């Protein structure tokens, strides 16, 4: 007689189906950064150059920043893809520059640095429109754009993503700007030497560039 505690045999389980292969996530689009400051500096360079060509001894914002002049200056800026990279081109008043090549030299020299606040006060709307059009072009080209700038301008650029950065010591901003100018000027001096420079040549280039910067502030 079978024991009442005997268990019945377990049914045979069906084999599990093979696990489907994992699908990797799609690659993220390339990332680029955009600075409104480069547009303000480009306009300031044009305005300062205009004043020089008018024979003015100093920058005159009232004369340079009229509505017709600002329209002309904006027309001298173009956002184009050059050699596979997006860049701002400055063409006019005898200038033919790419912002990527002069952003740490001409655009951060005293002629621009001293006058950019005056120009920025008059050109907020123009710069916002230029930046919005530029970021739209880059987005259509498949790029993720990180736009940096002050709240007064970036708040008007349409995007659902906004981040605010603060600094406890704003002196660092000035130190960074000075270091950028110093490095760019020294690099130009070293490049002019032609051959691979030694440590002493690099040191001399930095010292000479620093002396020039100090002289500009005197």
N, C-alpha and C. Protein backbone atom coordinates (compact mmCIF):
# COMPACT_ATOMS: atom_id res chain seq x y z
N UNK A 1 0.85 -1.18 0.00
CA UNK A 1 0.00 0.00 0.00
C UNK A 1 0.89 1.23 0.00
N UNK A 2 0.50 2.19 -0.82
CA UNK A 2 1.33 3.39 -0.90
C UNK A 2 1.20 4.21 0.35
N UNK A 3 2.33 4.82 0.77
CA UNK A 3 2.31 5.68 1.94
C UNK A 3 1.50 6.93 1.65
N UNK A 4 0.63 7.35 2.63
CA UNK A 4 -0.14 8.59 2.38
C UNK A 4 0.74 9.83 2.32
N UNK A 5 1.98 9.70 2.74
CA UNK A 5 2.89 10.87 2.72
C UNK A 5 3.78 10.91 1.48
N UNK A 6 3.59 9.94 0.61
CA UNK A 6 4.44 9.91 -0.58
C UNK A 6 4.05 11.05 -1.50
N UNK A 7 5.02 11.76 -2.01
CA UNK A 7 4.73 12.88 -2.91
C UNK A 7 4.67 12.40 -4.34
N UNK A 8 3.87 13.09 -5.10
CA UNK A 8 3.76 12.75 -6.51
C UNK A 8 4.94 13.34 -7.27
N UNK A 9 5.36 12.72 -8.34
CA UNK A 9 6.52 13.26 -9.07
C UNK A 9 6.23 14.64 -9.63
N UNK A 10 7.28 15.54 -9.59
CA UNK A 10 7.12 16.92 -10.12
C UNK A 10 7.02 16.88 -11.63
N UNK A 11 6.17 17.76 -12.16
CA UNK A 11 6.10 17.83 -13.63
C UNK A 11 7.41 18.35 -14.21
N UNK A 12 7.72 17.92 -15.37
CA UNK A 12 8.95 18.38 -16.03
C UNK A 12 8.73 19.79 -16.55
N UNK A 13 9.63 20.75 -16.14
CA UNK A 13 9.49 22.14 -16.60
C UNK A 13 9.91 22.27 -18.05
N UNK A 14 9.20 23.16 -18.75
CA UNK A 14 9.57 23.43 -20.14
C UNK A 14 10.85 24.26 -20.17
N UNK A 15 11.70 24.04 -21.13
CA UNK A 15 12.95 24.84 -21.19
C UNK A 15 12.63 26.32 -21.40
N UNK A 16 13.42 27.20 -20.74
CA UNK A 16 13.24 28.65 -20.90
C UNK A 16 13.66 29.08 -22.30
N UNK A 17 12.95 30.06 -22.84
CA UNK A 17 13.36 30.55 -24.16
C UNK A 17 14.70 31.28 -24.06
N UNK A 18 15.45 31.31 -25.11
CA UNK A 18 16.74 32.03 -25.04
C UNK A 18 16.54 33.51 -24.78
N UNK A 19 17.42 34.09 -23.98
CA UNK A 19 17.33 35.51 -23.64
C UNK A 19 17.68 36.34 -24.88
N UNK A 20 16.85 37.33 -25.21
CA UNK A 20 17.18 38.16 -26.37
C UNK A 20 18.45 38.97 -26.12
N UNK A 21 19.23 39.25 -27.13
CA UNK A 21 20.46 40.04 -26.93
C UNK A 21 20.13 41.44 -26.46
N UNK A 22 21.01 41.97 -25.59
CA UNK A 22 20.82 43.34 -25.09
C UNK A 22 21.09 44.34 -26.20
N UNK A 23 20.20 45.30 -26.31
CA UNK A 23 20.37 46.34 -27.32
C UNK A 23 21.06 47.54 -26.68
N UNK A 24 22.23 47.91 -27.15
CA UNK A 24 22.91 49.07 -26.53
C UNK A 24 22.13 50.34 -26.80
N UNK A 25 22.20 51.31 -25.87
CA UNK A 25 21.50 52.58 -26.09
C UNK A 25 22.10 53.32 -27.28
N UNK A 26 21.30 54.14 -27.93
CA UNK A 26 21.85 54.89 -29.06
C UNK A 26 22.94 55.85 -28.60
N UNK A 27 23.93 56.09 -29.42
CA UNK A 27 25.00 57.01 -29.02
C UNK A 27 24.48 58.42 -28.83
N UNK A 28 25.05 59.13 -27.87
CA UNK A 28 24.66 60.52 -27.64
C UNK A 28 25.19 61.40 -28.77
N UNK A 29 24.44 62.44 -29.13
CA UNK A 29 24.95 63.35 -30.16
C UNK A 29 26.21 64.05 -29.68
N UNK A 30 27.06 64.49 -30.59
CA UNK A 30 28.26 65.25 -30.18
C UNK A 30 27.84 66.52 -29.42
N UNK A 31 28.71 66.93 -28.51
CA UNK A 31 28.43 68.10 -27.68
C UNK A 31 29.30 69.28 -28.13
N UNK A 32 28.71 70.47 -28.15
CA UNK A 32 29.47 71.69 -28.43
C UNK A 32 29.04 72.76 -27.44
N UNK A 33 29.91 73.74 -27.23
CA UNK A 33 29.58 74.86 -26.35
C UNK A 33 29.44 76.14 -27.16
N UNK A 34 28.64 77.03 -26.65
CA UNK A 34 28.43 78.33 -27.30
C UNK A 34 28.51 79.41 -26.24
N UNK A 35 29.26 80.46 -26.51
CA UNK A 35 29.40 81.57 -25.58
C UNK A 35 28.88 82.85 -26.22
N UNK A 36 27.87 83.46 -25.58
CA UNK A 36 27.39 84.75 -26.06
C UNK A 36 28.47 85.81 -25.96
N UNK A 37 29.40 85.62 -25.02
CA UNK A 37 30.47 86.61 -24.85
C UNK A 37 31.27 86.82 -26.11
N UNK A 38 31.46 85.77 -26.91
CA UNK A 38 32.22 85.93 -28.15
C UNK A 38 31.51 86.83 -29.15
N UNK A 39 30.18 86.83 -29.12
CA UNK A 39 29.42 87.70 -30.03
C UNK A 39 29.55 89.15 -29.55
N UNK A 40 29.39 89.38 -28.24
CA UNK A 40 29.56 90.73 -27.71
C UNK A 40 30.97 91.25 -28.01
N UNK A 41 31.97 90.40 -27.86
CA UNK A 41 33.34 90.84 -28.11
C UNK A 41 33.57 91.14 -29.59
N UNK A 42 32.96 90.35 -30.44
CA UNK A 42 33.11 90.58 -31.87
C UNK A 42 32.50 91.94 -32.25
N UNK A 43 31.34 92.25 -31.70
CA UNK A 43 30.71 93.54 -31.97
C UNK A 43 31.54 94.69 -31.40
N UNK A 44 32.13 94.46 -30.23
CA UNK A 44 32.96 95.50 -29.63
C UNK A 44 34.21 95.75 -30.47
N UNK A 45 34.80 94.69 -30.98
CA UNK A 45 35.97 94.85 -31.85
C UNK A 45 35.61 95.66 -33.10
N UNK A 46 34.46 95.39 -33.67
CA UNK A 46 34.01 96.13 -34.86
C UNK A 46 33.75 97.60 -34.51
N UNK A 47 33.10 97.83 -33.37
CA UNK A 47 32.79 99.21 -32.98
C UNK A 47 34.08 100.00 -32.69
N UNK A 48 35.03 99.37 -31.99
CA UNK A 48 36.29 100.04 -31.69
C UNK A 48 37.09 100.30 -32.96
N UNK A 49 37.06 99.35 -33.88
CA UNK A 49 37.76 99.55 -35.16
C UNK A 49 37.12 100.68 -35.94
N UNK A 50 35.80 100.77 -35.91
CA UNK A 50 35.09 101.86 -36.59
C UNK A 50 35.53 103.20 -36.02
N UNK A 51 35.63 103.31 -34.70
CA UNK A 51 36.07 104.56 -34.07
C UNK A 51 37.48 104.93 -34.52
N UNK A 52 38.36 103.96 -34.58
CA UNK A 52 39.73 104.22 -35.03
C UNK A 52 39.74 104.74 -36.46
N UNK A 53 38.92 104.13 -37.31
CA UNK A 53 38.90 104.54 -38.71
C UNK A 53 38.26 105.90 -38.92
N UNK A 54 37.49 106.35 -37.92
CA UNK A 54 36.93 107.70 -37.98
C UNK A 54 37.90 108.75 -37.44
N UNK A 55 39.08 108.30 -37.01
CA UNK A 55 40.09 109.22 -36.49
C UNK A 55 39.84 109.65 -35.06
N UNK A 56 38.98 108.90 -34.33
CA UNK A 56 38.68 109.27 -32.94
C UNK A 56 39.82 108.85 -32.03
N UNK A 57 40.13 109.70 -31.07
CA UNK A 57 41.23 109.41 -30.15
C UNK A 57 40.85 108.34 -29.14
N UNK A 58 39.56 108.17 -28.88
CA UNK A 58 39.10 107.18 -27.90
C UNK A 58 37.77 106.60 -28.39
N UNK A 59 37.37 105.54 -27.76
CA UNK A 59 36.11 104.88 -28.12
C UNK A 59 34.94 105.80 -27.77
N UNK A 60 34.02 105.97 -28.72
CA UNK A 60 32.84 106.82 -28.53
C UNK A 60 31.61 105.98 -28.80
N UNK A 61 31.01 105.48 -27.71
CA UNK A 61 29.86 104.60 -27.85
C UNK A 61 28.67 105.28 -28.50
N UNK A 62 28.44 106.55 -28.17
CA UNK A 62 27.29 107.25 -28.73
C UNK A 62 27.40 107.37 -30.25
N UNK A 63 28.61 107.59 -30.74
CA UNK A 63 28.80 107.73 -32.19
C UNK A 63 28.84 106.38 -32.89
N UNK A 64 29.46 105.40 -32.24
CA UNK A 64 29.67 104.11 -32.90
C UNK A 64 28.44 103.22 -32.88
N UNK A 65 27.64 103.34 -31.83
CA UNK A 65 26.56 102.38 -31.62
C UNK A 65 25.20 102.92 -32.03
N UNK A 66 25.14 103.63 -33.13
CA UNK A 66 23.86 104.06 -33.67
C UNK A 66 23.14 102.86 -34.29
N UNK A 67 21.84 102.98 -34.48
CA UNK A 67 21.08 101.86 -35.06
C UNK A 67 21.61 101.44 -36.43
N UNK A 68 21.91 102.40 -37.34
CA UNK A 68 22.47 101.97 -38.64
C UNK A 68 23.81 101.26 -38.50
N UNK A 69 24.67 101.77 -37.60
CA UNK A 69 25.98 101.12 -37.42
C UNK A 69 25.82 99.72 -36.85
N UNK A 70 24.94 99.55 -35.86
CA UNK A 70 24.75 98.23 -35.27
C UNK A 70 24.23 97.24 -36.31
N UNK A 71 23.33 97.71 -37.17
CA UNK A 71 22.83 96.84 -38.23
C UNK A 71 23.98 96.43 -39.16
N UNK A 72 24.87 97.39 -39.45
CA UNK A 72 26.04 97.07 -40.29
C UNK A 72 26.95 96.08 -39.60
N UNK A 73 27.22 96.31 -38.30
CA UNK A 73 28.12 95.42 -37.56
C UNK A 73 27.56 94.00 -37.51
N UNK A 74 26.25 93.87 -37.24
CA UNK A 74 25.64 92.54 -37.20
C UNK A 74 25.75 91.86 -38.57
N UNK A 75 25.66 92.66 -39.63
CA UNK A 75 25.80 92.10 -40.97
C UNK A 75 27.21 91.63 -41.28
N UNK A 76 28.18 92.08 -40.48
CA UNK A 76 29.57 91.65 -40.65
C UNK A 76 29.88 90.36 -39.92
N UNK A 77 28.90 89.84 -39.18
CA UNK A 77 29.07 88.57 -38.46
C UNK A 77 28.28 87.48 -39.18
N UNK A 78 28.90 86.34 -39.36
CA UNK A 78 28.24 85.20 -40.00
C UNK A 78 28.59 83.94 -39.24
N UNK A 79 27.59 83.10 -39.05
CA UNK A 79 27.82 81.82 -38.38
C UNK A 79 27.80 80.74 -39.44
N UNK A 80 28.96 80.14 -39.68
CA UNK A 80 29.10 79.21 -40.79
C UNK A 80 29.87 77.96 -40.36
N UNK A 81 29.73 76.92 -41.17
CA UNK A 81 30.53 75.72 -40.96
C UNK A 81 31.77 75.84 -41.83
N UNK A 82 32.94 75.92 -41.18
CA UNK A 82 34.20 76.12 -41.88
C UNK A 82 35.13 74.96 -41.53
N UNK A 83 35.63 74.28 -42.55
CA UNK A 83 36.51 73.12 -42.34
C UNK A 83 35.88 72.10 -41.39
N UNK A 84 34.57 71.92 -41.53
CA UNK A 84 33.87 70.92 -40.73
C UNK A 84 33.49 71.36 -39.33
N UNK A 85 33.79 72.62 -38.95
CA UNK A 85 33.49 73.12 -37.62
C UNK A 85 32.67 74.40 -37.72
N UNK A 86 31.67 74.53 -36.84
CA UNK A 86 30.88 75.76 -36.80
C UNK A 86 31.70 76.88 -36.18
N UNK A 87 31.63 78.06 -36.77
CA UNK A 87 32.45 79.17 -36.29
C UNK A 87 31.78 80.49 -36.67
N UNK A 88 32.13 81.54 -35.92
CA UNK A 88 31.67 82.90 -36.26
C UNK A 88 32.75 83.57 -37.09
N UNK A 89 32.35 84.15 -38.20
CA UNK A 89 33.28 84.87 -39.06
C UNK A 89 33.03 86.36 -38.94
N UNK A 90 34.08 87.12 -38.78
CA UNK A 90 34.01 88.59 -38.74
C UNK A 90 34.60 89.10 -40.05
N UNK A 91 33.78 89.74 -40.86
CA UNK A 91 34.24 90.23 -42.15
C UNK A 91 33.74 91.64 -42.36
N UNK A 92 34.64 92.62 -42.31
CA UNK A 92 34.26 94.00 -42.52
C UNK A 92 35.22 94.94 -41.84
N UNK A 93 35.24 96.20 -42.28
CA UNK A 93 36.13 97.23 -41.75
C UNK A 93 37.59 96.79 -41.82
N UNK A 94 37.91 96.01 -42.84
CA UNK A 94 39.28 95.54 -43.01
C UNK A 94 39.61 94.30 -42.20
N UNK A 95 38.64 93.77 -41.46
CA UNK A 95 38.87 92.56 -40.65
C UNK A 95 38.37 91.33 -41.39
N UNK A 96 39.10 90.26 -41.29
CA UNK A 96 38.69 88.96 -41.84
C UNK A 96 39.18 87.90 -40.86
N UNK A 97 38.35 87.60 -39.86
CA UNK A 97 38.78 86.79 -38.73
C UNK A 97 37.79 85.66 -38.47
N UNK A 98 38.32 84.58 -37.87
CA UNK A 98 37.48 83.52 -37.33
C UNK A 98 37.56 83.59 -35.82
N UNK A 99 36.42 83.62 -35.16
CA UNK A 99 36.40 83.80 -33.71
C UNK A 99 37.18 82.71 -33.00
N UNK A 100 37.12 81.48 -33.48
CA UNK A 100 37.84 80.39 -32.81
C UNK A 100 39.34 80.64 -32.78
N UNK A 101 39.85 81.45 -33.72
CA UNK A 101 41.29 81.69 -33.82
C UNK A 101 41.74 82.93 -33.06
N UNK A 102 40.79 83.82 -32.70
CA UNK A 102 41.18 85.08 -32.05
C UNK A 102 40.45 85.29 -30.72
N UNK A 103 39.73 84.26 -30.23
CA UNK A 103 38.92 84.46 -29.03
C UNK A 103 39.76 84.73 -27.79
N UNK A 104 41.01 84.29 -27.77
CA UNK A 104 41.87 84.54 -26.62
C UNK A 104 42.94 85.58 -26.89
N UNK A 105 42.91 86.22 -28.04
CA UNK A 105 43.90 87.25 -28.38
C UNK A 105 43.18 88.57 -28.68
N UNK A 106 42.82 88.79 -29.93
CA UNK A 106 42.18 90.05 -30.31
C UNK A 106 40.90 90.33 -29.52
N UNK A 107 40.11 89.30 -29.28
CA UNK A 107 38.82 89.51 -28.62
C UNK A 107 38.95 89.67 -27.10
N UNK A 108 40.15 89.53 -26.57
CA UNK A 108 40.35 89.75 -25.14
C UNK A 108 41.42 90.80 -24.88
N UNK A 109 41.76 91.55 -25.92
CA UNK A 109 42.72 92.63 -25.77
C UNK A 109 42.07 93.84 -25.13
N UNK A 110 42.86 94.84 -24.77
CA UNK A 110 42.33 96.04 -24.08
C UNK A 110 41.30 96.81 -24.90
N UNK A 111 41.46 96.82 -26.22
CA UNK A 111 40.51 97.56 -27.07
C UNK A 111 39.09 97.02 -26.90
N UNK A 112 38.99 95.73 -26.67
CA UNK A 112 37.69 95.10 -26.48
C UNK A 112 37.30 95.10 -25.01
N UNK A 113 38.22 94.71 -24.14
CA UNK A 113 37.90 94.55 -22.72
C UNK A 113 37.38 95.84 -22.09
N UNK A 114 37.95 96.98 -22.46
CA UNK A 114 37.55 98.25 -21.85
C UNK A 114 36.17 98.71 -22.32
N UNK A 115 35.75 98.28 -23.49
CA UNK A 115 34.53 98.84 -24.09
C UNK A 115 33.37 97.88 -24.19
N UNK A 116 33.58 96.61 -23.83
CA UNK A 116 32.51 95.64 -23.99
C UNK A 116 31.28 95.95 -23.12
N UNK A 117 31.41 96.52 -21.90
CA UNK A 117 30.19 96.83 -21.14
C UNK A 117 29.28 97.80 -21.87
N UNK A 118 29.88 98.83 -22.52
CA UNK A 118 29.08 99.81 -23.26
C UNK A 118 28.36 99.16 -24.43
N UNK A 119 29.06 98.30 -25.14
CA UNK A 119 28.46 97.63 -26.30
C UNK A 119 27.38 96.65 -25.85
N UNK A 120 27.64 95.92 -24.77
CA UNK A 120 26.67 94.92 -24.30
C UNK A 120 25.35 95.57 -23.90
N UNK A 121 25.41 96.78 -23.36
CA UNK A 121 24.18 97.47 -22.97
C UNK A 121 23.26 97.74 -24.16
N UNK A 122 23.86 97.94 -25.33
CA UNK A 122 23.07 98.34 -26.51
C UNK A 122 22.71 97.17 -27.43
N UNK A 123 23.26 95.99 -27.18
CA UNK A 123 23.15 94.93 -28.20
C UNK A 123 22.56 93.62 -27.66
N UNK A 124 21.89 93.67 -26.51
CA UNK A 124 21.35 92.44 -25.93
C UNK A 124 20.43 91.70 -26.91
N UNK A 125 19.48 92.42 -27.49
CA UNK A 125 18.52 91.79 -28.40
C UNK A 125 19.19 91.20 -29.63
N UNK A 126 20.14 91.94 -30.20
CA UNK A 126 20.84 91.46 -31.39
C UNK A 126 21.59 90.16 -31.09
N UNK A 127 22.25 90.12 -29.94
CA UNK A 127 23.04 88.94 -29.59
C UNK A 127 22.15 87.74 -29.30
N UNK A 128 21.02 87.98 -28.62
CA UNK A 128 20.09 86.88 -28.35
C UNK A 128 19.57 86.28 -29.66
N UNK A 129 19.19 87.13 -30.60
CA UNK A 129 18.69 86.62 -31.88
C UNK A 129 19.77 85.85 -32.64
N UNK A 130 21.00 86.37 -32.61
CA UNK A 130 22.11 85.70 -33.29
C UNK A 130 22.36 84.33 -32.65
N UNK A 131 22.37 84.30 -31.30
CA UNK A 131 22.64 83.05 -30.59
C UNK A 131 21.53 82.03 -30.84
N UNK A 132 20.27 82.48 -30.84
CA UNK A 132 19.15 81.56 -31.07
C UNK A 132 19.24 80.93 -32.46
N UNK A 133 19.58 81.76 -33.45
CA UNK A 133 19.71 81.24 -34.82
C UNK A 133 20.89 80.27 -34.94
N UNK A 134 21.99 80.61 -34.26
CA UNK A 134 23.18 79.75 -34.33
C UNK A 134 22.93 78.40 -33.67
N UNK A 135 22.32 78.41 -32.49
CA UNK A 135 22.07 77.14 -31.80
C UNK A 135 21.06 76.29 -32.58
N UNK A 136 20.12 76.95 -33.24
CA UNK A 136 19.16 76.20 -34.07
C UNK A 136 19.88 75.50 -35.22
N UNK A 137 20.84 76.18 -35.84
CA UNK A 137 21.62 75.57 -36.93
C UNK A 137 22.39 74.36 -36.42
N UNK A 138 23.02 74.50 -35.26
CA UNK A 138 23.82 73.40 -34.73
C UNK A 138 22.94 72.22 -34.31
N UNK A 139 21.77 72.54 -33.75
CA UNK A 139 20.85 71.47 -33.38
C UNK A 139 20.37 70.70 -34.60
N UNK A 140 20.08 71.43 -35.69
CA UNK A 140 19.66 70.78 -36.92
C UNK A 140 20.78 69.95 -37.53
N UNK A 141 22.02 70.27 -37.14
CA UNK A 141 23.19 69.52 -37.64
C UNK A 141 23.48 68.30 -36.76
N UNK A 142 22.59 68.03 -35.78
CA UNK A 142 22.76 66.85 -34.94
C UNK A 142 23.62 67.04 -33.72
N UNK A 143 23.78 68.29 -33.27
CA UNK A 143 24.64 68.57 -32.12
C UNK A 143 23.82 68.93 -30.89
N UNK A 144 24.30 68.55 -29.72
CA UNK A 144 23.78 69.05 -28.45
C UNK A 144 24.57 70.31 -28.11
N UNK A 145 23.88 71.41 -27.86
CA UNK A 145 24.54 72.69 -27.65
C UNK A 145 24.41 73.12 -26.19
N UNK A 146 25.55 73.37 -25.55
CA UNK A 146 25.57 73.94 -24.21
C UNK A 146 25.87 75.43 -24.36
N UNK A 147 24.84 76.24 -24.13
CA UNK A 147 24.97 77.69 -24.32
C UNK A 147 25.26 78.33 -22.97
N UNK A 148 26.37 79.05 -22.90
CA UNK A 148 26.74 79.73 -21.66
C UNK A 148 26.59 81.23 -21.84
N UNK A 149 26.25 81.90 -20.77
CA UNK A 149 26.11 83.36 -20.84
C UNK A 149 25.43 83.89 -19.60
N UNK A 150 25.25 85.18 -19.57
CA UNK A 150 24.60 85.81 -18.43
C UNK A 150 23.08 85.67 -18.56
N UNK A 151 22.40 85.70 -17.39
CA UNK A 151 20.96 85.49 -17.38
C UNK A 151 20.23 86.49 -18.26
N UNK A 152 20.75 87.72 -18.33
CA UNK A 152 20.07 88.76 -19.11
C UNK A 152 19.90 88.38 -20.57
N UNK A 153 20.77 87.51 -21.07
CA UNK A 153 20.66 87.11 -22.48
C UNK A 153 20.15 85.68 -22.63
N UNK A 154 20.68 84.73 -21.87
CA UNK A 154 20.29 83.34 -22.09
C UNK A 154 18.85 83.07 -21.69
N UNK A 155 18.28 83.90 -20.82
CA UNK A 155 16.88 83.69 -20.43
C UNK A 155 15.93 83.82 -21.62
N UNK A 156 16.38 84.46 -22.68
CA UNK A 156 15.51 84.67 -23.85
C UNK A 156 15.75 83.65 -24.95
N UNK A 157 16.64 82.71 -24.72
CA UNK A 157 16.88 81.65 -25.70
C UNK A 157 15.94 80.49 -25.38
N UNK A 158 15.08 80.06 -26.32
CA UNK A 158 14.10 79.02 -26.01
C UNK A 158 14.73 77.65 -25.77
N UNK A 159 14.55 77.12 -24.55
CA UNK A 159 15.02 75.78 -24.18
C UNK A 159 14.35 75.37 -22.88
N UNK A 160 14.03 74.08 -22.70
CA UNK A 160 13.46 73.65 -21.42
C UNK A 160 14.52 73.35 -20.35
N UNK A 161 15.79 73.43 -20.71
CA UNK A 161 16.86 73.06 -19.79
C UNK A 161 17.68 74.29 -19.42
N UNK A 162 17.70 74.63 -18.12
CA UNK A 162 18.45 75.79 -17.66
C UNK A 162 19.18 75.45 -16.36
N UNK A 163 20.41 75.89 -16.26
CA UNK A 163 21.21 75.64 -15.07
C UNK A 163 21.93 76.93 -14.71
N UNK A 164 21.94 77.25 -13.42
CA UNK A 164 22.59 78.48 -12.95
C UNK A 164 23.81 78.11 -12.10
N UNK A 165 24.95 78.67 -12.46
CA UNK A 165 26.19 78.45 -11.72
C UNK A 165 26.55 79.71 -10.94
N UNK A 166 27.00 79.53 -9.72
CA UNK A 166 27.44 80.67 -8.91
C UNK A 166 28.85 80.42 -8.42
N UNK A 167 29.55 81.51 -8.09
CA UNK A 167 30.92 81.41 -7.59
C UNK A 167 31.04 82.20 -6.31
N UNK A 168 31.72 81.61 -5.33
CA UNK A 168 31.91 82.30 -4.06
C UNK A 168 32.98 83.38 -4.16
N UNK A 169 33.91 83.23 -5.11
CA UNK A 169 35.00 84.20 -5.26
C UNK A 169 35.07 84.60 -6.73
N UNK A 170 34.48 85.73 -7.08
CA UNK A 170 34.43 86.16 -8.48
C UNK A 170 35.78 86.66 -8.99
N UNK A 171 36.75 86.87 -8.08
CA UNK A 171 38.08 87.29 -8.52
C UNK A 171 38.69 86.22 -9.44
N UNK A 172 38.29 84.97 -9.23
CA UNK A 172 38.81 83.88 -10.05
C UNK A 172 38.47 84.10 -11.53
N UNK A 173 37.35 84.73 -11.80
CA UNK A 173 36.96 84.99 -13.19
C UNK A 173 37.99 85.90 -13.87
N UNK A 174 38.40 86.95 -13.16
CA UNK A 174 39.41 87.84 -13.72
C UNK A 174 40.75 87.16 -13.88
N UNK A 175 41.10 86.31 -12.91
CA UNK A 175 42.37 85.58 -13.01
C UNK A 175 42.35 84.63 -14.21
N UNK A 176 41.22 83.99 -14.42
CA UNK A 176 41.09 83.08 -15.57
C UNK A 176 41.24 83.84 -16.88
N UNK A 177 40.58 85.00 -16.98
CA UNK A 177 40.67 85.79 -18.20
C UNK A 177 42.10 86.23 -18.46
N UNK A 178 42.79 86.68 -17.41
CA UNK A 178 44.18 87.10 -17.56
C UNK A 178 45.06 85.94 -18.01
N UNK A 179 44.82 84.75 -17.43
CA UNK A 179 45.60 83.58 -17.81
C UNK A 179 45.36 83.19 -19.26
N UNK A 180 44.12 83.31 -19.73
CA UNK A 180 43.82 83.00 -21.13
C UNK A 180 44.57 83.93 -22.07
N UNK A 181 44.54 85.22 -21.76
CA UNK A 181 45.24 86.20 -22.60
C UNK A 181 46.74 85.97 -22.59
N UNK A 182 47.28 85.71 -21.39
CA UNK A 182 48.73 85.51 -21.25
C UNK A 182 49.17 84.28 -22.04
N UNK A 183 48.43 83.19 -21.91
CA UNK A 183 48.79 81.95 -22.60
C UNK A 183 48.71 82.11 -24.11
N UNK A 184 47.67 82.79 -24.59
CA UNK A 184 47.50 82.96 -26.03
C UNK A 184 48.61 83.84 -26.61
N UNK A 185 48.96 84.92 -25.90
CA UNK A 185 50.01 85.81 -26.39
C UNK A 185 51.36 85.10 -26.39
N UNK A 186 51.64 84.35 -25.33
CA UNK A 186 52.91 83.62 -25.26
C UNK A 186 52.98 82.55 -26.34
N UNK A 187 51.86 81.90 -26.58
CA UNK A 187 51.83 80.86 -27.62
C UNK A 187 52.16 81.45 -28.99
N UNK A 188 51.64 82.65 -29.27
CA UNK A 188 51.92 83.29 -30.55
C UNK A 188 53.41 83.61 -30.68
N UNK A 189 54.04 84.07 -29.59
CA UNK A 189 55.47 84.38 -29.63
C UNK A 189 56.29 83.11 -29.84
N UNK A 190 55.90 82.04 -29.17
CA UNK A 190 56.63 80.78 -29.31
C UNK A 190 56.47 80.24 -30.73
N UNK A 191 55.26 80.32 -31.27
CA UNK A 191 55.03 79.82 -32.63
C UNK A 191 55.87 80.57 -33.65
N UNK A 192 56.12 81.86 -33.39
CA UNK A 192 56.91 82.66 -34.33
C UNK A 192 58.38 82.23 -34.36
N UNK A 193 58.82 81.50 -33.34
CA UNK A 193 60.22 81.05 -33.31
C UNK A 193 60.50 79.96 -34.33
N UNK A 194 59.44 79.27 -34.76
CA UNK A 194 59.61 78.26 -35.80
C UNK A 194 59.99 76.91 -35.25
N UNK A 195 61.20 76.74 -34.83
CA UNK A 195 61.66 75.44 -34.33
C UNK A 195 61.06 75.13 -32.97
N UNK A 196 61.19 73.89 -32.53
CA UNK A 196 60.68 73.50 -31.22
C UNK A 196 61.45 74.26 -30.15
N UNK A 197 60.78 75.10 -29.37
CA UNK A 197 61.50 75.94 -28.39
C UNK A 197 61.88 75.14 -27.15
N UNK A 198 62.90 75.61 -26.46
CA UNK A 198 63.26 74.98 -25.19
C UNK A 198 62.54 75.71 -24.06
N UNK A 199 62.77 75.24 -22.85
CA UNK A 199 62.09 75.81 -21.69
C UNK A 199 62.38 77.29 -21.49
N UNK A 200 63.62 77.70 -21.76
CA UNK A 200 63.98 79.11 -21.57
C UNK A 200 63.23 80.00 -22.55
N UNK A 201 63.04 79.53 -23.78
CA UNK A 201 62.32 80.33 -24.78
C UNK A 201 60.86 80.50 -24.37
N UNK A 202 60.27 79.44 -23.84
CA UNK A 202 58.88 79.52 -23.38
C UNK A 202 58.77 80.49 -22.20
N UNK A 203 59.72 80.40 -21.28
CA UNK A 203 59.72 81.31 -20.13
C UNK A 203 59.86 82.75 -20.58
N UNK A 204 60.74 83.01 -21.54
CA UNK A 204 60.92 84.37 -22.04
C UNK A 204 59.64 84.88 -22.71
N UNK A 205 58.95 84.00 -23.44
CA UNK A 205 57.71 84.39 -24.11
C UNK A 205 56.63 84.77 -23.10
N UNK A 206 56.54 83.99 -22.02
CA UNK A 206 55.55 84.28 -20.98
C UNK A 206 55.89 85.59 -20.28
N UNK A 207 57.17 85.78 -19.96
CA UNK A 207 57.60 87.01 -19.29
C UNK A 207 57.34 88.24 -20.16
N UNK A 208 57.66 88.13 -21.45
CA UNK A 208 57.44 89.25 -22.36
C UNK A 208 55.95 89.56 -22.50
N UNK A 209 55.13 88.53 -22.61
CA UNK A 209 53.68 88.73 -22.74
C UNK A 209 53.10 89.37 -21.48
N UNK A 210 53.60 88.94 -20.33
CA UNK A 210 53.12 89.51 -19.06
C UNK A 210 53.51 90.98 -18.97
N UNK A 211 54.72 91.33 -19.38
CA UNK A 211 55.16 92.73 -19.35
C UNK A 211 54.27 93.59 -20.25
N UNK A 212 53.91 93.04 -21.42
CA UNK A 212 53.03 93.79 -22.32
C UNK A 212 51.66 94.02 -21.70
N UNK A 213 51.11 92.99 -21.05
CA UNK A 213 49.80 93.13 -20.40
C UNK A 213 49.84 94.16 -19.28
N UNK A 214 50.90 94.14 -18.48
CA UNK A 214 51.02 95.10 -17.38
C UNK A 214 51.14 96.53 -17.94
N UNK A 215 51.88 96.65 -19.05
CA UNK A 215 52.01 97.97 -19.67
C UNK A 215 50.70 98.51 -20.18
N UNK A 216 49.82 97.63 -20.67
CA UNK A 216 48.51 98.06 -21.16
C UNK A 216 47.63 98.60 -20.04
N UNK A 217 47.85 98.11 -18.82
CA UNK A 217 47.03 98.55 -17.69
C UNK A 217 47.56 99.81 -17.02
N UNK A 218 48.76 100.20 -17.39
CA UNK A 218 49.38 101.37 -16.73
C UNK A 218 48.69 102.65 -17.16
